[in-house]
Amino acid sequence: MEPSGVWGARWDACDNLLARRYMEVACRKKSLVVLAADLRTMDGLRALVELVGPHIAALKTHVDLVDDWSTDGWADFCQLAHDNDLLLFEDRKFADIGKISRGQMAGAYDIRSWADLVTAHGISGPDIVDGLIAGWDDVGRQGGVLLLAQMSSRGNLLGLPGYTGAMVSAGCSNNGVFGFIGNGSRSEELAELRRLVGEKKMIWTPGVNIDVGDGEMGQRYGHPRDAVLAGSDGIIVGSGIHGVHHPKGAAEEYAKTSWDALVERGDF
């Protein structure tokens, strides 16, 4: 099925090249799964990607969590991700001014050289997006920023009046913004975010699990089908895949659930 037929208005309206690349990958894989590979060893990360790579569309990393990280080892891991047709998404949650964020894209981890997408808070103002895009420009690459518009953890402050609207207003006017992070655990909040965002930006959502309810340390979960029907374009799943006895089977189930929901959605 052609991406334009699956994604409808989203395909025509998107203004970030990485968004179209993601939509194409999702169609090839028949999956909206963004795997949160929050593991502590390089061997664990490689083994996980080799096992579930065919059933996921993107890989979310926390590079500074890896205890045995090395430049060469990470380069090999990134190549493995590319061999599996995955976008690499570093969940760095940048939050500083544009100049500092540009510098942080370099540094020891050199995020600009391998990440296709990064997350950022908008609390420091819209220049943070320009700084991150400049980081990719410095090495001749293109990337996209996901702004945190909502969070799924209990007690987070992003739900204060006006915050989400301000993030959406700033982000929708910048073509360096790939999209927004929404709250997959509350479909009504997510549907409101989709209404604010419109069609030209992606929404990716943590806080989803086929086993709904509360998780560890304040995390909450909603069902992935509900999240996609409410407007999510990518479901971020971690322990629901790598924390179970049969990760491959779980990845297949999340892929089918998310894809079937997208087809059911229609797309809007």
Protein backbone atom coordinates (compact mmCIF):
# COMPACT_ATOMS: atom_id res chain seq x y z
CA MET A 1 0.00 0.00 0.00
CA GLU A 2 1.35 3.45 -0.95
CA PRO A 3 2.15 5.78 1.98
CA SER A 4 -0.06 8.51 0.54
CA GLY A 5 -3.00 6.12 0.61
CA VAL A 6 -2.39 5.07 4.21
CA TRP A 7 -1.54 8.45 5.71
CA GLY A 8 -3.95 10.61 3.73
CA ALA A 9 -3.83 14.28 4.71
CA ARG A 10 -0.80 13.68 6.94
CA TRP A 11 1.30 12.67 3.91
CA ASP A 12 0.34 15.75 1.90
CA ALA A 13 0.58 18.24 4.77
CA CYS A 14 3.87 17.26 6.45
CA ASP A 15 6.64 19.82 6.19
CA ASN A 16 9.59 17.86 7.62
CA LEU A 17 11.43 15.41 5.36
CA LEU A 18 12.02 12.98 8.21
CA ALA A 19 8.26 12.74 8.72
CA ARG A 20 7.78 11.36 5.22
CA ARG A 21 10.71 9.01 5.71
CA TYR A 22 9.07 7.69 8.88
CA MET A 23 5.72 7.24 7.16
CA GLU A 24 7.42 5.25 4.41
CA VAL A 25 9.22 3.01 6.92
CA ALA A 26 5.97 2.45 8.82
CA CYS A 27 4.30 1.30 5.62
CA ARG A 28 7.15 -1.04 4.72
CA LYS A 29 7.11 -2.58 8.21
CA LYS A 30 3.32 -2.31 8.76
CA SER A 31 4.20 -1.02 12.20
CA LEU A 32 4.01 2.23 14.18
CA VAL A 33 6.22 0.84 16.94
CA VAL A 34 9.03 3.01 18.26
CA LEU A 35 11.07 0.70 20.46
CA ALA A 36 12.34 2.33 23.65
CA ALA A 37 15.60 0.40 23.93
CA ASP A 38 16.50 1.62 27.40
CA LEU A 39 19.10 -1.07 28.04
CA ARG A 40 22.46 -0.76 29.78
CA THR A 41 24.80 -2.85 27.60
CA MET A 42 25.83 -2.83 23.96
CA ASP A 43 25.33 -6.59 23.69
CA GLY A 44 21.80 -6.26 25.02
CA LEU A 45 20.96 -3.50 22.55
CA ARG A 46 22.36 -5.41 19.58
CA ALA A 47 20.58 -8.62 20.52
CA LEU A 48 17.27 -6.79 20.92
CA VAL A 49 17.48 -5.07 17.52
CA GLU A 50 18.46 -8.32 15.81
CA LEU A 51 15.43 -10.00 17.39
CA VAL A 52 12.67 -7.42 16.81
CA GLY A 53 14.06 -5.16 14.06
CA PRO A 54 11.64 -6.37 11.35
CA HIS A 55 8.63 -5.38 13.48
CA ILE A 56 9.53 -1.85 14.55
CA ALA A 57 9.80 1.44 12.65
CA ALA A 58 12.15 3.44 14.85
CA LEU A 59 14.54 2.93 17.73
CA LYS A 60 14.53 5.24 20.75
CA THR A 61 17.82 5.39 22.64
CA HIS A 62 19.32 6.95 25.75
CA VAL A 63 22.97 6.89 24.76
CA ASP A 64 24.15 8.03 28.20
CA LEU A 65 22.52 5.00 29.88
CA VAL A 66 24.91 2.53 28.25
CA ASP A 67 27.55 1.39 30.74
CA ASP A 68 30.00 -0.04 28.17
CA TRP A 69 29.52 2.62 25.48
CA SER A 70 32.38 3.20 23.03
CA THR A 71 32.63 5.17 19.81
CA ASP A 72 33.30 2.10 17.66
CA GLY A 73 30.70 -0.04 19.40
CA TRP A 74 28.03 2.62 18.98
CA ALA A 75 28.92 3.08 15.31
CA ASP A 76 28.41 -0.66 14.76
CA PHE A 77 25.10 -0.51 16.60
CA CYS A 78 23.90 2.42 14.47
CA GLN A 79 24.81 0.49 11.34
CA LEU A 80 22.77 -2.45 12.61
CA ALA A 81 19.80 -0.10 13.08
CA HIS A 82 20.16 1.22 9.54
CA ASP A 83 20.44 -2.33 8.18
CA ASN A 84 17.07 -2.98 9.84
CA ASP A 85 15.48 0.08 8.18
CA LEU A 86 15.08 1.98 11.47
CA LEU A 87 15.10 5.67 12.25
CA LEU A 88 17.36 6.43 15.22
CA PHE A 89 15.72 8.60 17.86
CA GLU A 90 17.85 9.88 20.76
CA ASP A 91 15.57 10.78 23.65
CA ARG A 92 17.95 13.43 24.95
CA LYS A 93 15.27 15.96 26.02
CA PHE A 94 17.42 18.99 25.26
CA ALA A 95 16.33 22.01 27.30
CA ASP A 96 18.96 24.76 26.99
CA ILE A 97 19.32 27.82 24.78
CA GLY A 98 20.00 27.34 21.08
CA LYS A 99 23.77 27.91 21.20
CA ILE A 100 24.32 25.41 24.01
CA SER A 101 22.00 22.85 22.44
CA ARG A 102 23.95 23.08 19.20
CA GLY A 103 27.12 22.31 21.14
CA GLN A 104 25.47 19.45 23.01
CA MET A 105 24.65 17.83 19.68
CA ALA A 106 28.42 17.42 19.30
CA GLY A 107 30.49 16.53 22.36
CA ALA A 108 31.57 13.04 23.35
CA TYR A 109 28.48 11.29 21.99
CA ASP A 110 28.31 13.35 18.77
CA ILE A 111 24.54 12.89 18.57
CA ARG A 112 24.32 14.98 15.40
CA SER A 113 26.29 12.36 13.45
CA TRP A 114 23.95 9.41 14.02
CA ALA A 115 20.55 10.46 15.41
CA ASP A 116 17.76 11.19 12.95
CA LEU A 117 15.48 12.60 15.65
CA VAL A 118 15.86 14.07 19.12
CA THR A 119 13.49 15.25 21.83
CA ALA A 120 13.50 18.72 23.35
CA HIS A 121 11.65 20.72 25.96
CA GLY A 122 10.45 24.11 24.78
CA ILE A 123 10.88 25.80 28.15
CA SER A 124 13.91 27.82 26.97
CA GLY A 125 12.10 29.20 23.92
CA PRO A 126 11.90 28.42 20.20
CA ASP A 127 15.62 29.00 19.53
CA ILE A 128 16.36 25.53 20.88
CA VAL A 129 14.96 24.00 17.68
CA ASP A 130 17.16 26.24 15.51
CA GLY A 131 20.19 25.25 17.60
CA LEU A 132 19.51 21.54 17.20
CA ILE A 133 18.94 21.85 13.46
CA ALA A 134 22.19 23.82 13.20
CA GLY A 135 23.93 20.89 14.90
CA TRP A 136 22.84 18.58 12.10
CA ASP A 137 23.75 21.24 9.52
CA ASP A 138 27.29 21.29 10.94
CA VAL A 139 27.83 17.71 9.74
CA GLY A 140 25.75 17.91 6.56
CA ARG A 141 22.80 15.90 7.84
CA GLN A 142 19.07 16.47 8.20
CA GLY A 143 17.10 15.75 11.33
CA GLY A 144 13.90 16.49 13.16
CA VAL A 145 12.92 17.59 16.65
CA LEU A 146 10.11 16.16 18.75
CA LEU A 147 8.89 18.75 21.27
CA LEU A 148 7.43 17.51 24.53
CA ALA A 149 3.86 18.75 24.54
CA GLN A 150 2.56 16.22 27.09
CA MET A 151 4.00 13.55 29.38
CA SER A 152 2.49 10.34 30.73
CA SER A 153 4.07 10.37 34.20
CA ARG A 154 1.99 11.31 37.23
CA GLY A 155 2.39 14.86 38.51
CA ASN A 156 4.26 16.24 35.50
CA LEU A 157 4.05 20.00 34.98
CA LEU A 158 3.45 20.01 31.24
CA GLY A 159 -0.26 19.85 31.94
CA LEU A 160 -0.33 23.34 33.46
CA PRO A 161 -2.75 25.68 31.68
CA GLY A 162 -1.37 27.08 28.45
CA TYR A 163 1.82 25.01 28.24
CA THR A 164 0.77 22.48 25.62
CA GLY A 165 -0.85 25.15 23.46
CA ALA A 166 2.30 27.28 23.55
CA MET A 167 4.47 24.30 22.53
CA VAL A 168 2.16 23.46 19.65
CA SER A 169 1.96 27.06 18.45
CA ALA A 170 5.74 27.43 18.41
CA GLY A 171 6.43 24.00 16.94
CA CYS A 172 3.91 23.99 14.13
CA SER A 173 5.47 27.10 12.61
CA ASN A 174 8.99 25.55 12.41
CA ASN A 175 9.72 22.96 9.72
CA GLY A 176 12.60 21.66 11.82
CA VAL A 177 9.99 20.21 14.16
CA PHE A 178 9.16 16.63 13.23
CA GLY A 179 6.32 16.57 15.71
CA PHE A 180 5.32 16.32 19.34
CA ILE A 181 5.43 13.88 22.22
CA GLY A 182 1.91 13.28 23.50
CA ASN A 183 0.35 11.34 26.36
CA GLY A 184 -0.56 7.86 25.21
CA SER A 185 -2.08 6.94 28.57
CA ARG A 186 -5.02 9.35 28.24
CA SER A 187 -6.73 9.20 24.87
CA GLU A 188 -8.90 12.25 25.55
CA GLU A 189 -5.82 14.42 26.16
CA LEU A 190 -4.19 12.97 23.08
CA ALA A 191 -7.22 13.69 20.91
CA GLU A 192 -7.13 17.30 22.07
CA LEU A 193 -3.43 17.51 21.18
CA ARG A 194 -4.19 16.17 17.70
CA ARG A 195 -6.87 18.83 17.31
CA LEU A 196 -4.35 21.53 18.23
CA VAL A 197 -1.55 20.13 16.06
CA GLY A 198 -3.57 19.51 12.90
CA GLU A 199 -2.19 17.34 10.11
CA LYS A 200 1.31 18.53 9.27
CA LYS A 201 3.18 17.24 12.33
CA MET A 202 3.65 13.78 13.80
CA ILE A 203 2.58 12.84 17.31
CA TRP A 204 4.48 10.04 19.05
CA THR A 205 3.31 8.67 22.37
CA PRO A 206 4.89 6.89 25.30
CA GLY A 207 2.62 5.56 28.01
CA VAL A 208 1.14 2.72 25.96
CA ASN A 209 1.00 -0.96 26.82
CA ILE A 210 -1.31 -3.78 25.83
CA ASP A 211 -1.57 -4.40 29.59
CA VAL A 212 -3.02 -1.05 30.64
CA GLY A 213 -2.71 0.49 34.11
CA ASP A 214 0.09 1.85 36.28
CA GLY A 215 3.74 0.92 35.88
CA GLU A 216 6.87 1.67 37.86
CA MET A 217 7.72 5.05 39.39
CA GLY A 218 4.63 6.96 38.34
CA GLN A 219 4.35 5.75 34.74
CA ARG A 220 0.81 5.20 33.43
CA TYR A 221 -0.27 3.13 30.46
CA GLY A 222 -3.12 3.25 27.96
CA HIS A 223 -3.86 0.76 25.19
CA PRO A 224 -1.94 1.33 21.92
CA ARG A 225 -5.07 0.98 19.78
CA ASP A 226 -6.78 3.76 21.72
CA ALA A 227 -3.72 5.98 21.33
CA VAL A 228 -3.54 5.53 17.55
CA LEU A 229 -7.26 6.09 17.10
CA ALA A 230 -6.95 9.29 19.17
CA GLY A 231 -4.18 10.63 16.93
CA SER A 232 -0.84 8.98 17.72
CA ASP A 233 1.40 8.31 14.71
CA GLY A 234 4.00 6.32 16.65
CA ILE A 235 3.65 4.26 19.81
CA ILE A 236 6.74 4.25 22.03
CA VAL A 237 7.02 0.85 23.72
CA GLY A 238 9.81 -0.28 26.02
CA SER A 239 9.30 -2.91 28.71
CA GLY A 240 6.17 -4.14 26.93
CA ILE A 241 8.61 -5.61 24.40
CA HIS A 242 12.07 -6.02 25.94
CA GLY A 243 10.75 -6.81 29.43
CA VAL A 244 8.70 -9.87 28.51
CA HIS A 245 9.68 -13.51 27.96
CA HIS A 246 9.14 -13.42 24.18
CA PRO A 247 10.14 -9.97 22.86
CA LYS A 248 9.75 -10.94 19.20
CA GLY A 249 6.17 -12.09 19.68
CA ALA A 250 5.37 -8.97 21.67
CA ALA A 251 6.86 -6.73 18.96
CA GLU A 252 4.75 -8.50 16.34
CA GLU A 253 1.62 -7.97 18.47
CA TYR A 254 2.31 -4.27 18.99
CA ALA A 255 3.07 -3.84 15.30
CA LYS A 256 -0.20 -5.48 14.23
CA THR A 257 -2.23 -3.58 16.82
CA SER A 258 -0.79 -0.22 15.80
CA TRP A 259 -1.03 -0.85 12.05
CA ASP A 260 -4.60 -2.14 12.25
CA ALA A 261 -5.58 0.95 14.24
CA LEU A 262 -3.97 3.26 11.67
CA VAL A 263 -5.88 1.55 8.85
CA GLU A 264 -9.07 1.76 10.90
CA ARG A 265 -8.40 5.47 11.55
CA GLY A 266 -8.55 6.14 7.94
CA ASP A 267 -6.56 8.64 8.20
CA PHE A 268 -8.84 11.24 9.73
